[in-house]
């Protein structure tokens, strides 16, 4: 069984990884939108809703991270 510190470390690692993955995906999508909005509006039209969905997902991930940090207040500033 994991102790509280190990649970926090593992949970934090997973959440940070998920947040970084979302940020990377958003960065890539925004680059495509920036480069293609004039020459390929159909592509941008397809990518934009997915980008907005990813932004909402990132918002939820950040809230999960904050909530997770509140579960372990004494371990927060390790």
N, C-alpha and C. Protein backbone atom coordinates (compact mmCIF):
# COMPACT_ATOMS: atom_id res chain seq x y z
N UNK A 1 0.84 -1.18 0.00
CA UNK A 1 0.00 0.00 0.00
C UNK A 1 0.89 1.25 0.00
N UNK A 2 0.48 2.26 -0.74
CA UNK A 2 1.24 3.49 -0.82
C UNK A 2 0.98 4.37 0.40
N UNK A 3 2.03 5.02 0.89
CA UNK A 3 1.81 5.98 1.97
C UNK A 3 1.40 7.31 1.36
N UNK A 4 1.04 8.25 2.21
CA UNK A 4 0.53 9.54 1.72
C UNK A 4 1.52 10.26 0.83
N UNK A 5 2.80 10.24 1.19
CA UNK A 5 3.80 10.94 0.38
C UNK A 5 3.93 10.30 -1.00
N UNK A 6 3.95 8.96 -1.05
CA UNK A 6 4.04 8.28 -2.34
C UNK A 6 2.81 8.52 -3.19
N UNK A 7 1.63 8.53 -2.56
CA UNK A 7 0.39 8.82 -3.28
C UNK A 7 0.44 10.22 -3.85
N UNK A 8 0.91 11.17 -3.06
CA UNK A 8 1.00 12.55 -3.52
C UNK A 8 1.97 12.65 -4.68
N UNK A 9 3.15 12.03 -4.53
CA UNK A 9 4.16 12.10 -5.59
C UNK A 9 3.64 11.50 -6.89
N UNK A 10 3.03 10.32 -6.81
CA UNK A 10 2.52 9.66 -8.00
C UNK A 10 1.37 10.45 -8.61
N UNK A 11 0.45 10.89 -7.76
CA UNK A 11 -0.67 11.69 -8.25
C UNK A 11 -0.22 12.98 -8.88
N UNK A 12 0.73 13.64 -8.26
CA UNK A 12 1.26 14.88 -8.81
C UNK A 12 1.93 14.63 -10.15
N UNK A 13 2.72 13.58 -10.24
CA UNK A 13 3.40 13.26 -11.50
C UNK A 13 2.41 13.02 -12.62
N UNK A 14 1.36 12.27 -12.33
CA UNK A 14 0.35 11.97 -13.35
C UNK A 14 -0.36 13.25 -13.78
N UNK A 15 -0.78 14.05 -12.82
CA UNK A 15 -1.48 15.29 -13.15
C UNK A 15 -0.60 16.26 -13.91
N UNK A 16 0.65 16.41 -13.50
CA UNK A 16 1.57 17.31 -14.20
C UNK A 16 1.82 16.81 -15.62
N UNK A 17 1.96 15.50 -15.78
CA UNK A 17 2.15 14.93 -17.12
C UNK A 17 0.93 15.23 -18.00
N UNK A 18 -0.26 15.03 -17.46
CA UNK A 18 -1.48 15.30 -18.22
C UNK A 18 -1.58 16.78 -18.61
N UNK A 19 -1.25 17.65 -17.68
CA UNK A 19 -1.29 19.09 -17.96
C UNK A 19 -0.27 19.45 -19.02
N UNK A 20 0.94 18.93 -18.91
CA UNK A 20 1.96 19.20 -19.92
C UNK A 20 1.55 18.68 -21.29
N UNK A 21 0.93 17.51 -21.34
CA UNK A 21 0.46 16.95 -22.61
C UNK A 21 -0.61 17.85 -23.23
N UNK A 22 -1.51 18.34 -22.40
CA UNK A 22 -2.55 19.24 -22.90
C UNK A 22 -1.96 20.54 -23.42
N UNK A 23 -1.01 21.09 -22.68
CA UNK A 23 -0.36 22.33 -23.12
C UNK A 23 0.37 22.12 -24.44
N UNK A 24 1.03 21.00 -24.59
CA UNK A 24 1.74 20.70 -25.83
C UNK A 24 0.77 20.57 -27.00
N UNK A 25 -0.34 19.87 -26.78
CA UNK A 25 -1.35 19.73 -27.83
C UNK A 25 -1.94 21.08 -28.21
N UNK A 26 -2.20 21.91 -27.21
CA UNK A 26 -2.74 23.24 -27.49
C UNK A 26 -1.75 24.10 -28.26
N UNK A 27 -0.49 24.02 -27.90
CA UNK A 27 0.53 24.78 -28.60
C UNK A 27 0.58 24.36 -30.07
N UNK A 28 0.55 23.06 -30.33
CA UNK A 28 0.57 22.57 -31.70
C UNK A 28 -0.66 23.02 -32.48
N UNK A 29 -1.82 22.93 -31.86
CA UNK A 29 -3.06 23.34 -32.52
C UNK A 29 -3.04 24.83 -32.83
N UNK A 30 -2.57 25.64 -31.90
CA UNK A 30 -2.52 27.08 -32.14
C UNK A 30 -1.53 27.45 -33.23
N UNK A 31 -0.44 26.71 -33.33
CA UNK A 31 0.52 26.94 -34.42
C UNK A 31 -0.13 26.65 -35.77
N UNK A 32 -0.87 25.55 -35.85
CA UNK A 32 -1.56 25.21 -37.10
C UNK A 32 -2.59 26.28 -37.43
N UNK A 33 -3.36 26.70 -36.45
CA UNK A 33 -4.37 27.74 -36.67
C UNK A 33 -3.71 29.02 -37.16
N UNK A 34 -2.61 29.40 -36.51
CA UNK A 34 -1.89 30.62 -36.90
C UNK A 34 -1.38 30.53 -38.34
N UNK A 35 -0.84 29.38 -38.71
CA UNK A 35 -0.25 29.21 -40.03
C UNK A 35 -1.28 29.00 -41.14
N UNK A 36 -2.43 28.46 -40.81
CA UNK A 36 -3.38 28.03 -41.84
C UNK A 36 -4.68 28.83 -41.92
N UNK A 37 -4.88 29.80 -41.06
CA UNK A 37 -6.18 30.44 -41.00
C UNK A 37 -6.56 31.15 -42.29
N UNK A 38 -5.60 31.65 -43.04
CA UNK A 38 -5.92 32.31 -44.31
C UNK A 38 -5.99 31.33 -45.47
N UNK A 39 -4.99 30.48 -45.56
CA UNK A 39 -4.87 29.60 -46.72
C UNK A 39 -5.73 28.34 -46.64
N UNK A 40 -6.09 27.93 -45.44
CA UNK A 40 -6.83 26.69 -45.29
C UNK A 40 -7.88 26.82 -44.18
N UNK A 41 -8.88 27.69 -44.40
CA UNK A 41 -9.88 27.92 -43.35
C UNK A 41 -10.69 26.67 -43.00
N UNK A 42 -10.81 25.74 -43.95
CA UNK A 42 -11.55 24.50 -43.66
C UNK A 42 -10.84 23.70 -42.58
N UNK A 43 -9.52 23.65 -42.66
CA UNK A 43 -8.74 22.94 -41.64
C UNK A 43 -8.90 23.61 -40.28
N UNK A 44 -8.80 24.93 -40.28
CA UNK A 44 -8.95 25.68 -39.03
C UNK A 44 -10.34 25.46 -38.45
N UNK A 45 -11.34 25.41 -39.31
CA UNK A 45 -12.71 25.17 -38.86
C UNK A 45 -12.84 23.82 -38.16
N UNK A 46 -12.07 22.84 -38.61
CA UNK A 46 -12.10 21.51 -37.98
C UNK A 46 -11.28 21.49 -36.69
N UNK A 47 -10.17 22.21 -36.67
CA UNK A 47 -9.26 22.17 -35.52
C UNK A 47 -9.78 23.02 -34.35
N UNK A 48 -10.42 24.12 -34.65
CA UNK A 48 -10.83 25.05 -33.60
C UNK A 48 -11.74 24.41 -32.54
N UNK A 49 -12.77 23.66 -32.90
CA UNK A 49 -13.59 23.03 -31.85
C UNK A 49 -12.79 22.04 -30.99
N UNK A 50 -11.87 21.32 -31.62
CA UNK A 50 -11.03 20.39 -30.87
C UNK A 50 -10.11 21.14 -29.91
N UNK A 51 -9.64 22.30 -30.35
CA UNK A 51 -8.77 23.12 -29.51
C UNK A 51 -9.55 23.64 -28.30
N UNK A 52 -10.76 24.09 -28.54
CA UNK A 52 -11.59 24.56 -27.43
C UNK A 52 -11.90 23.43 -26.46
N UNK A 53 -12.14 22.24 -26.98
CA UNK A 53 -12.37 21.07 -26.12
C UNK A 53 -11.13 20.78 -25.26
N UNK A 54 -9.96 20.90 -25.87
CA UNK A 54 -8.71 20.64 -25.14
C UNK A 54 -8.49 21.71 -24.07
N UNK A 55 -8.86 22.95 -24.34
CA UNK A 55 -8.76 24.02 -23.34
C UNK A 55 -9.66 23.70 -22.15
N UNK A 56 -10.87 23.24 -22.42
CA UNK A 56 -11.76 22.86 -21.32
C UNK A 56 -11.19 21.69 -20.53
N UNK A 57 -10.59 20.73 -21.22
CA UNK A 57 -9.96 19.60 -20.55
C UNK A 57 -8.81 20.07 -19.66
N UNK A 58 -8.02 20.99 -20.16
CA UNK A 58 -6.91 21.54 -19.38
C UNK A 58 -7.44 22.24 -18.13
N UNK A 59 -8.51 22.97 -18.27
CA UNK A 59 -9.11 23.65 -17.13
C UNK A 59 -9.50 22.63 -16.06
N UNK A 60 -10.12 21.53 -16.47
CA UNK A 60 -10.48 20.48 -15.51
C UNK A 60 -9.24 19.85 -14.87
N UNK A 61 -8.20 19.64 -15.66
CA UNK A 61 -6.97 19.06 -15.13
C UNK A 61 -6.34 19.98 -14.09
N UNK A 62 -6.35 21.27 -14.35
CA UNK A 62 -5.80 22.23 -13.39
C UNK A 62 -6.63 22.23 -12.10
N UNK A 63 -7.94 22.15 -12.23
CA UNK A 63 -8.79 22.06 -11.04
C UNK A 63 -8.52 20.78 -10.26
N UNK A 64 -8.33 19.67 -10.98
CA UNK A 64 -7.99 18.41 -10.31
C UNK A 64 -6.67 18.54 -9.56
N UNK A 65 -5.71 19.21 -10.18
CA UNK A 65 -4.40 19.41 -9.54
C UNK A 65 -4.56 20.23 -8.26
N UNK A 66 -5.33 21.30 -8.34
CA UNK A 66 -5.56 22.13 -7.15
C UNK A 66 -6.25 21.33 -6.05
N UNK A 67 -7.27 20.56 -6.43
CA UNK A 67 -7.98 19.74 -5.44
C UNK A 67 -7.06 18.70 -4.83
N UNK A 68 -6.21 18.11 -5.64
CA UNK A 68 -5.27 17.10 -5.16
C UNK A 68 -4.30 17.73 -4.16
N UNK A 69 -3.84 18.94 -4.45
CA UNK A 69 -2.93 19.63 -3.54
C UNK A 69 -3.62 19.92 -2.20
N UNK A 70 -4.92 20.20 -2.24
CA UNK A 70 -5.65 20.46 -0.99
C UNK A 70 -5.81 19.20 -0.15
N UNK A 71 -5.79 18.03 -0.78
CA UNK A 71 -5.89 16.78 -0.03
C UNK A 71 -4.65 16.53 0.82
N UNK A 72 -3.52 17.08 0.39
CA UNK A 72 -2.25 16.85 1.07
C UNK A 72 -1.62 18.20 1.46
N UNK A 73 -2.29 18.99 2.28
CA UNK A 73 -1.78 20.34 2.57
C UNK A 73 -0.41 20.36 3.23
N UNK A 74 -0.10 19.38 4.05
CA UNK A 74 1.19 19.39 4.73
C UNK A 74 2.33 18.99 3.80
N UNK A 75 2.00 18.34 2.71
CA UNK A 75 3.02 17.87 1.77
C UNK A 75 3.16 18.81 0.58
N UNK A 76 2.37 19.86 0.58
CA UNK A 76 2.27 20.74 -0.57
C UNK A 76 3.61 21.32 -0.99
N UNK A 77 4.38 21.81 -0.05
CA UNK A 77 5.65 22.48 -0.37
C UNK A 77 6.83 21.61 -0.04
N UNK A 78 6.84 20.45 -0.52
CA UNK A 78 7.88 19.47 -0.24
C UNK A 78 9.21 19.88 -0.81
